[in-house]
């Protein structure tokens, strides 16, 4: 009686582990296929890269940012 229960439990455990393993293998292969499809689609339809404007003038700091910069400078000098 006890060996029959253990045998059935072992069969159910192996079946469940086989199903999970099969699902994970299918998931890995589908992700690889999807990555290859996305690479191909990115070659066909590349994303437009926005150009960054290079301004010659440095950006002015606001009042709060100036106070923070002063506090950091004082803290690093040890005052």
PDB file of N, CA and C in Angstrom:
ATOM      1  N   UNK A   1       0.824  -1.196   0.000  1.00  0.00           N
ATOM      2  CA  UNK A   1       0.000   0.000   0.000  1.00  0.00           C
ATOM      3  C   UNK A   1       0.871   1.263   0.000  1.00  0.00           C
ATOM      4  N   UNK A   2       1.867   1.286   0.864  1.00  0.00           N
ATOM      5  CA  UNK A   2       2.709   2.475   0.970  1.00  0.00           C
ATOM      6  C   UNK A   2       3.574   2.646  -0.272  1.00  0.00           C
ATOM      7  N   UNK A   3       4.062   1.553  -0.855  1.00  0.00           N
ATOM      8  CA  UNK A   3       4.896   1.670  -2.049  1.00  0.00           C
ATOM      9  C   UNK A   3       4.080   2.144  -3.241  1.00  0.00           C
ATOM     10  N   UNK A   4       2.813   1.790  -3.295  1.00  0.00           N
ATOM     11  CA  UNK A   4       1.947   2.241  -4.382  1.00  0.00           C
ATOM     12  C   UNK A   4       1.758   3.759  -4.316  1.00  0.00           C
ATOM     13  N   UNK A   5       1.579   4.292  -3.107  1.00  0.00           N
ATOM     14  CA  UNK A   5       1.408   5.737  -2.929  1.00  0.00           C
ATOM     15  C   UNK A   5       2.697   6.465  -3.299  1.00  0.00           C
ATOM     16  N   UNK A   6       3.833   5.925  -2.853  1.00  0.00           N
ATOM     17  CA  UNK A   6       5.116   6.533  -3.195  1.00  0.00           C
ATOM     18  C   UNK A   6       5.364   6.492  -4.698  1.00  0.00           C
ATOM     19  N   UNK A   7       4.972   5.396  -5.336  1.00  0.00           N
ATOM     20  CA  UNK A   7       5.144   5.273  -6.791  1.00  0.00           C
ATOM     21  C   UNK A   7       4.294   6.297  -7.527  1.00  0.00           C
ATOM     22  N   UNK A   8       3.045   6.467  -7.088  1.00  0.00           N
ATOM     23  CA  UNK A   8       2.178   7.455  -7.722  1.00  0.00           C
ATOM     24  C   UNK A   8       2.699   8.871  -7.484  1.00  0.00           C
ATOM     25  N   UNK A   9       3.192   9.126  -6.275  1.00  0.00           N
ATOM     26  CA  UNK A   9       3.762  10.432  -5.972  1.00  0.00           C
ATOM     27  C   UNK A   9       4.974  10.728  -6.834  1.00  0.00           C
ATOM     28  N   UNK A  10       5.813   9.738  -7.056  1.00  0.00           N
ATOM     29  CA  UNK A  10       6.996   9.901  -7.890  1.00  0.00           C
ATOM     30  C   UNK A  10       6.599  10.181  -9.345  1.00  0.00           C
ATOM     31  N   UNK A  11       5.578   9.485  -9.824  1.00  0.00           N
ATOM     32  CA  UNK A  11       5.103   9.707 -11.199  1.00  0.00           C
ATOM     33  C   UNK A  11       4.553  11.127 -11.341  1.00  0.00           C
ATOM     34  N   UNK A  12       3.755  11.561 -10.361  1.00  0.00           N
ATOM     35  CA  UNK A  12       3.178  12.911 -10.422  1.00  0.00           C
ATOM     36  C   UNK A  12       4.283  13.958 -10.349  1.00  0.00           C
ATOM     37  N   UNK A  13       5.286  13.736  -9.483  1.00  0.00           N
ATOM     38  CA  UNK A  13       6.388  14.683  -9.354  1.00  0.00           C
ATOM     39  C   UNK A  13       7.176  14.779 -10.647  1.00  0.00           C
ATOM     40  N   UNK A  14       7.500  13.658 -11.248  1.00  0.00           N
ATOM     41  CA  UNK A  14       8.268  13.666 -12.504  1.00  0.00           C
ATOM     42  C   UNK A  14       7.463  14.298 -13.633  1.00  0.00           C
ATOM     43  N   UNK A  15       6.168  14.034 -13.676  1.00  0.00           N
ATOM     44  CA  UNK A  15       5.315  14.640 -14.699  1.00  0.00           C
ATOM     45  C   UNK A  15       5.291  16.164 -14.541  1.00  0.00           C
ATOM     46  N   UNK A  16       5.119  16.624 -13.312  1.00  0.00           N
ATOM     47  CA  UNK A  16       5.092  18.062 -13.062  1.00  0.00           C
ATOM     48  C   UNK A  16       6.415  18.721 -13.402  1.00  0.00           C
ATOM     49  N   UNK A  17       7.530  18.102 -13.013  1.00  0.00           N
ATOM     50  CA  UNK A  17       8.839  18.667 -13.320  1.00  0.00           C
ATOM     51  C   UNK A  17       9.087  18.657 -14.822  1.00  0.00           C
ATOM     52  N   UNK A  18       8.612  17.632 -15.515  1.00  0.00           N
ATOM     53  CA  UNK A  18       8.757  17.575 -16.964  1.00  0.00           C
ATOM     54  C   UNK A  18       7.964  18.675 -17.661  1.00  0.00           C
ATOM     55  N   UNK A  19       6.760  18.940 -17.160  1.00  0.00           N
ATOM     56  CA  UNK A  19       5.933  19.999 -17.738  1.00  0.00           C
ATOM     57  C   UNK A  19       6.601  21.360 -17.539  1.00  0.00           C
ATOM     58  N   UNK A  20       7.101  21.604 -16.332  1.00  0.00           N
ATOM     59  CA  UNK A  20       7.755  22.888 -16.052  1.00  0.00           C
ATOM     60  C   UNK A  20       9.022  23.034 -16.893  1.00  0.00           C
ATOM     61  N   UNK A  21       9.819  21.984 -16.983  1.00  0.00           N
ATOM     62  CA  UNK A  21      11.036  22.026 -17.782  1.00  0.00           C
ATOM     63  C   UNK A  21      10.710  22.284 -19.252  1.00  0.00           C
ATOM     64  N   UNK A  22       9.693  21.617 -19.767  1.00  0.00           N
ATOM     65  CA  UNK A  22       9.286  21.823 -21.164  1.00  0.00           C
ATOM     66  C   UNK A  22       8.822  23.254 -21.392  1.00  0.00           C
ATOM     67  N   UNK A  23       8.054  23.786 -20.460  1.00  0.00           N
ATOM     68  CA  UNK A  23       7.584  25.166 -20.581  1.00  0.00           C
ATOM     69  C   UNK A  23       8.755  26.137 -20.602  1.00  0.00           C
ATOM     70  N   UNK A  24       9.740  25.914 -19.734  1.00  0.00           N
ATOM     71  CA  UNK A  24      10.891  26.818 -19.694  1.00  0.00           C
ATOM     72  C   UNK A  24      11.713  26.743 -20.979  1.00  0.00           C
ATOM     73  N   UNK A  25      11.866  25.562 -21.537  1.00  0.00           N
ATOM     74  CA  UNK A  25      12.595  25.408 -22.801  1.00  0.00           C
ATOM     75  C   UNK A  25      11.853  26.141 -23.918  1.00  0.00           C
ATOM     76  N   UNK A  26      10.536  25.976 -23.970  1.00  0.00           N
ATOM     77  CA  UNK A  26       9.735  26.665 -24.984  1.00  0.00           C
ATOM     78  C   UNK A  26       9.840  28.173 -24.801  1.00  0.00           C
ATOM     79  N   UNK A  27       9.812  28.632 -23.545  1.00  0.00           N
ATOM     80  CA  UNK A  27       9.925  30.059 -23.255  1.00  0.00           C
ATOM     81  C   UNK A  27      11.264  30.620 -23.717  1.00  0.00           C
ATOM     82  N   UNK A  28      12.349  29.911 -23.476  1.00  0.00           N
ATOM     83  CA  UNK A  28      13.680  30.368 -23.885  1.00  0.00           C
ATOM     84  C   UNK A  28      13.765  30.476 -25.405  1.00  0.00           C
ATOM     85  N   UNK A  29      13.297  29.448 -26.107  1.00  0.00           N
ATOM     86  CA  UNK A  29      13.362  29.479 -27.564  1.00  0.00           C
ATOM     87  C   UNK A  29      12.462  30.563 -28.153  1.00  0.00           C
ATOM     88  N   UNK A  30      11.288  30.776 -27.565  1.00  0.00           N
ATOM     89  CA  UNK A  30      10.411  31.823 -28.083  1.00  0.00           C
ATOM     90  C   UNK A  30      11.023  33.201 -27.849  1.00  0.00           C
ATOM     91  N   UNK A  31      11.738  33.392 -26.716  1.00  0.00           N
ATOM     92  CA  UNK A  31      12.407  34.667 -26.477  1.00  0.00           C
ATOM     93  C   UNK A  31      13.551  34.879 -27.459  1.00  0.00           C
ATOM     94  N   UNK A  32      14.286  33.838 -27.782  1.00  0.00           N
ATOM     95  CA  UNK A  32      15.366  33.963 -28.768  1.00  0.00           C
ATOM     96  C   UNK A  32      14.815  34.307 -30.149  1.00  0.00           C
ATOM     97  N   UNK A  33      13.735  33.656 -30.521  1.00  0.00           N
ATOM     98  CA  UNK A  33      13.110  33.936 -31.817  1.00  0.00           C
ATOM     99  C   UNK A  33      12.599  35.368 -31.851  1.00  0.00           C
ATOM    100  N   UNK A  34      11.975  35.812 -30.740  1.00  0.00           N
ATOM    101  CA  UNK A  34      11.452  37.167 -30.681  1.00  0.00           C
ATOM    102  C   UNK A  34      12.578  38.195 -30.746  1.00  0.00           C
ATOM    103  N   UNK A  35      13.728  37.910 -30.121  1.00  0.00           N
ATOM    104  CA  UNK A  35      14.871  38.826 -30.181  1.00  0.00           C
ATOM    105  C   UNK A  35      15.371  38.958 -31.611  1.00  0.00           C
ATOM    106  N   UNK A  36      15.422  37.850 -32.334  1.00  0.00           N
ATOM    107  CA  UNK A  36      15.862  37.907 -33.733  1.00  0.00           C
ATOM    108  C   UNK A  36      14.871  38.676 -34.596  1.00  0.00           C
ATOM    109  N   UNK A  37      13.589  38.511 -34.330  1.00  0.00           N
ATOM    110  CA  UNK A  37      12.572  39.253 -35.073  1.00  0.00           C
ATOM    111  C   UNK A  37      12.712  40.746 -34.803  1.00  0.00           C
ATOM    112  N   UNK A  38      12.955  41.110 -33.539  1.00  0.00           N
ATOM    113  CA  UNK A  38      13.099  42.529 -33.193  1.00  0.00           C
ATOM    114  C   UNK A  38      14.353  43.129 -33.825  1.00  0.00           C
ATOM    115  N   UNK A  39      15.449  42.375 -33.898  1.00  0.00           N
ATOM    116  CA  UNK A  39      16.655  42.865 -34.568  1.00  0.00           C
ATOM    117  C   UNK A  39      16.367  43.153 -36.038  1.00  0.00           C
ATOM    118  N   UNK A  40      15.642  42.240 -36.665  1.00  0.00           N
ATOM    119  CA  UNK A  40      15.292  42.412 -38.077  1.00  0.00           C
ATOM    120  C   UNK A  40      14.394  43.631 -38.264  1.00  0.00           C
ATOM    121  N   UNK A  41      13.397  43.787 -37.382  1.00  0.00           N
ATOM    122  CA  UNK A  41      12.489  44.931 -37.503  1.00  0.00           C
ATOM    123  C   UNK A  41      13.206  46.250 -37.217  1.00  0.00           C
ATOM    124  N   UNK A  42      14.192  46.237 -36.316  1.00  0.00           N
ATOM    125  CA  UNK A  42      14.952  47.460 -36.050  1.00  0.00           C
ATOM    126  C   UNK A  42      15.819  47.853 -37.236  1.00  0.00           C
ATOM    127  N   UNK A  43      16.240  46.888 -38.040  1.00  0.00           N
ATOM    128  CA  UNK A  43      16.985  47.222 -39.255  1.00  0.00           C
ATOM    129  C   UNK A  43      16.052  47.833 -40.295  1.00  0.00           C
ATOM    130  N   UNK A  44      14.820  47.330 -40.373  1.00  0.00           N
ATOM    131  CA  UNK A  44      13.860  47.860 -41.339  1.00  0.00           C
ATOM    132  C   UNK A  44      13.326  49.228 -40.927  1.00  0.00           C
ATOM    133  N   UNK A  45      13.022  49.376 -39.640  1.00  0.00           N
ATOM    134  CA  UNK A  45      12.421  50.608 -39.137  1.00  0.00           C
ATOM    135  C   UNK A  45      13.256  51.146 -37.971  1.00  0.00           C
ATOM    136  N   UNK A  46      14.369  51.792 -38.267  1.00  0.00           N
ATOM    137  CA  UNK A  46      15.211  52.295 -37.162  1.00  0.00           C
ATOM    138  C   UNK A  46      14.542  53.478 -36.461  1.00  0.00           C
ATOM    139  N   UNK A  47      14.859  53.623 -35.178  1.00  0.00           N
ATOM    140  CA  UNK A  47      14.327  54.739 -34.408  1.00  0.00           C
ATOM    141  C   UNK A  47      15.090  56.008 -34.739  1.00  0.00           C
ATOM    142  N   UNK A  48      14.365  57.097 -34.804  1.00  0.00           N
ATOM    143  CA  UNK A  48      15.002  58.383 -35.058  1.00  0.00           C
ATOM    144  C   UNK A  48      15.666  58.860 -33.770  1.00  0.00           C
ATOM    145  N   UNK A  49      16.935  59.218 -33.870  1.00  0.00           N
ATOM    146  CA  UNK A  49      17.673  59.697 -32.710  1.00  0.00           C
ATOM    147  C   UNK A  49      17.581  61.215 -32.689  1.00  0.00           C
ATOM    148  N   UNK A  50      17.056  61.792 -31.603  1.00  0.00           N
ATOM    149  CA  UNK A  50      16.947  63.255 -31.559  1.00  0.00           C
ATOM    150  C   UNK A  50      18.329  63.885 -31.426  1.00  0.00           C
ATOM    151  N   UNK A  51      18.529  64.958 -32.179  1.00  0.00           N
ATOM    152  CA  UNK A  51      19.814  65.647 -32.134  1.00  0.00           C
ATOM    153  C   UNK A  51      19.863  66.544 -30.913  1.00  0.00           C
ATOM    154  N   UNK A  52      21.042  66.598 -30.286  1.00  0.00           N
ATOM    155  CA  UNK A  52      21.221  67.449 -29.128  1.00  0.00           C
ATOM    156  C   UNK A  52      21.817  68.771 -29.581  1.00  0.00           C
ATOM    157  N   UNK A  53      21.177  69.837 -29.167  1.00  0.00           N
ATOM    158  CA  UNK A  53      21.698  71.147 -29.543  1.00  0.00           C
ATOM    159  C   UNK A  53      22.843  71.497 -28.607  1.00  0.00           C
ATOM    160  N   UNK A  54      23.917  71.992 -29.194  1.00  0.00           N
ATOM    161  CA  UNK A  54      25.086  72.375 -28.419  1.00  0.00           C
ATOM    162  C   UNK A  54      25.089  73.887 -28.284  1.00  0.00           C
ATOM    163  N   UNK A  55      24.729  74.346 -27.104  1.00  0.00           N
ATOM    164  CA  UNK A  55      24.716  75.786 -26.885  1.00  0.00           C
ATOM    165  C   UNK A  55      26.081  76.222 -26.376  1.00  0.00           C
ATOM    166  N   UNK A  56      26.505  77.380 -26.818  1.00  0.00           N
ATOM    167  CA  UNK A  56      27.818  77.878 -26.428  1.00  0.00           C
ATOM    168  C   UNK A  56      27.786  78.495 -25.035  1.00  0.00           C
ATOM    169  N   UNK A  57      26.611  78.956 -24.600  1.00  0.00           N
ATOM    170  CA  UNK A  57      26.501  79.586 -23.295  1.00  0.00           C
ATOM    171  C   UNK A  57      26.223  78.521 -22.226  1.00  0.00           C
ATOM    172  N   UNK A  58      26.914  78.624 -21.081  1.00  0.00           N
ATOM    173  CA  UNK A  58      26.594  77.704 -19.996  1.00  0.00           C
ATOM    174  C   UNK A  58      25.228  78.031 -19.400  1.00  0.00           C
ATOM    175  N   UNK A  59      24.566  77.018 -18.902  1.00  0.00           N
ATOM    176  CA  UNK A  59      23.240  77.195 -18.336  1.00  0.00           C
ATOM    177  C   UNK A  59      23.346  77.900 -16.980  1.00  0.00           C
ATOM    178  N   UNK A  60      22.515  78.899 -16.764  1.00  0.00           N
ATOM    179  CA  UNK A  60      22.520  79.626 -15.497  1.00  0.00           C
ATOM    180  C   UNK A  60      21.839  78.794 -14.418  1.00  0.00           C
ATOM    181  N   UNK A  61      22.421  78.847 -13.243  1.00  0.00           N
ATOM    182  CA  UNK A  61      21.838  78.152 -12.122  1.00  0.00           C
ATOM    183  C   UNK A  61      20.760  79.000 -11.484  1.00  0.00           C
ATOM    184  N   UNK A  62      19.751  78.350 -10.936  1.00  0.00           N
ATOM    185  CA  UNK A  62      18.716  79.073 -10.218  1.00  0.00           C
ATOM    186  C   UNK A  62      19.197  79.421  -8.815  1.00  0.00           C
ATOM    187  N   UNK A  63      18.403  80.157  -8.082  1.00  0.00           N
ATOM    188  CA  UNK A  63      18.775  80.605  -6.739  1.00  0.00           C
ATOM    189  C   UNK A  63      19.007  79.409  -5.813  1.00  0.00           C
ATOM    190  N   UNK A  64      18.111  78.440  -5.857  1.00  0.00           N
ATOM    191  CA  UNK A  64      18.254  77.263  -5.002  1.00  0.00           C
ATOM    192  C   UNK A  64      19.495  76.456  -5.377  1.00  0.00           C
ATOM    193  N   UNK A  65      19.752  76.328  -6.656  1.00  0.00           N
ATOM    194  CA  UNK A  65      20.904  75.553  -7.102  1.00  0.00           C
ATOM    195  C   UNK A  65      22.218  76.235  -6.710  1.00  0.00           C
ATOM    196  N   UNK A  66      22.222  77.594  -6.712  1.00  0.00           N
ATOM    197  CA  UNK A  66      23.414  78.317  -6.283  1.00  0.00           C
ATOM    198  C   UNK A  66      23.685  78.077  -4.802  1.00  0.00           C
ATOM    199  N   UNK A  67      22.630  78.085  -4.003  1.00  0.00           N
ATOM    200  CA  UNK A  67      22.795  77.844  -2.571  1.00  0.00           C
ATOM    201  C   UNK A  67      23.294  76.432  -2.303  1.00  0.00           C
ATOM    202  N   UNK A  68      22.806  75.478  -3.051  1.00  0.00           N
ATOM    203  CA  UNK A  68      23.261  74.093  -2.899  1.00  0.00           C
ATOM    204  C   UNK A  68      24.725  73.979  -3.292  1.00  0.00           C
ATOM    205  N   UNK A  69      25.119  74.648  -4.379  1.00  0.00           N
ATOM    206  CA  UNK A  69      26.517  74.603  -4.818  1.00  0.00           C
ATOM    207  C   UNK A  69      27.431  75.243  -3.780  1.00  0.00           C
ATOM    208  N   UNK A  70      26.991  76.338  -3.169  1.00  0.00           N
ATOM    209  CA  UNK A  70      27.791  76.987  -2.128  1.00  0.00           C
ATOM    210  C   UNK A  70      27.925  76.075  -0.914  1.00  0.00           C
ATOM    211  N   UNK A  71      26.833  75.426  -0.530  1.00  0.00           N
ATOM    212  CA  UNK A  71      26.861  74.524   0.622  1.00  0.00           C
ATOM    213  C   UNK A  71      27.808  73.353   0.380  1.00  0.00           C
ATOM    214  N   UNK A  72      27.802  72.822  -0.826  1.00  0.00           N
ATOM    215  CA  UNK A  72      28.688  71.709  -1.154  1.00  0.00           C
ATOM    216  C   UNK A  72      30.143  72.170  -1.131  1.00  0.00           C
ATOM    217  N   UNK A  73      30.391  73.363  -1.680  1.00  0.00           N
ATOM    218  CA  UNK A  73      31.765  73.883  -1.694  1.00  0.00           C
ATOM    219  C   UNK A  73      32.283  74.111  -0.272  1.00  0.00           C
ATOM    220  N   UNK A  74      31.435  74.658   0.600  1.00  0.00           N
ATOM    221  CA  UNK A  74      31.840  74.882   1.986  1.00  0.00           C
ATOM    222  C   UNK A  74      32.065  73.556   2.721  1.00  0.00           C
ATOM    223  N   UNK A  75      31.231  72.579   2.441  1.00  0.00           N
ATOM    224  CA  UNK A  75      31.342  71.284   3.110  1.00  0.00           C
ATOM    225  C   UNK A  75      32.631  70.568   2.703  1.00  0.00           C
ATOM    226  N   UNK A  76      33.031  70.701   1.461  1.00  0.00           N
ATOM    227  CA  UNK A  76      34.240  70.026   1.016  1.00  0.00           C
ATOM    228  C   UNK A  76      35.496  70.730   1.496  1.00  0.00           C
ATOM    229  N   UNK A  77      35.391  72.037   1.799  1.00  0.00           N
ATOM    230  CA  UNK A  77      36.549  72.784   2.318  1.00  0.00           C
ATOM    231  C   UNK A  77      36.716  72.544   3.807  1.00  0.00           C
ATOM    232  N   UNK A  78      35.698  72.041   4.482  1.00  0.00           N
ATOM    233  CA  UNK A  78      35.805  71.761   5.912  1.00  0.00           C
ATOM    234  C   UNK A  78      35.406  72.913   6.786  1.00  0.00           C
ATOM    235  N   UNK A  79      34.666  73.867   6.263  1.00  0.00           N
ATOM    236  CA  UNK A  79      34.256  75.029   7.058  1.00  0.00           C
ATOM    237  C   UNK A  79      32.922  74.721   7.704  1.00  0.00           C
TER     238      UNK A  79
END
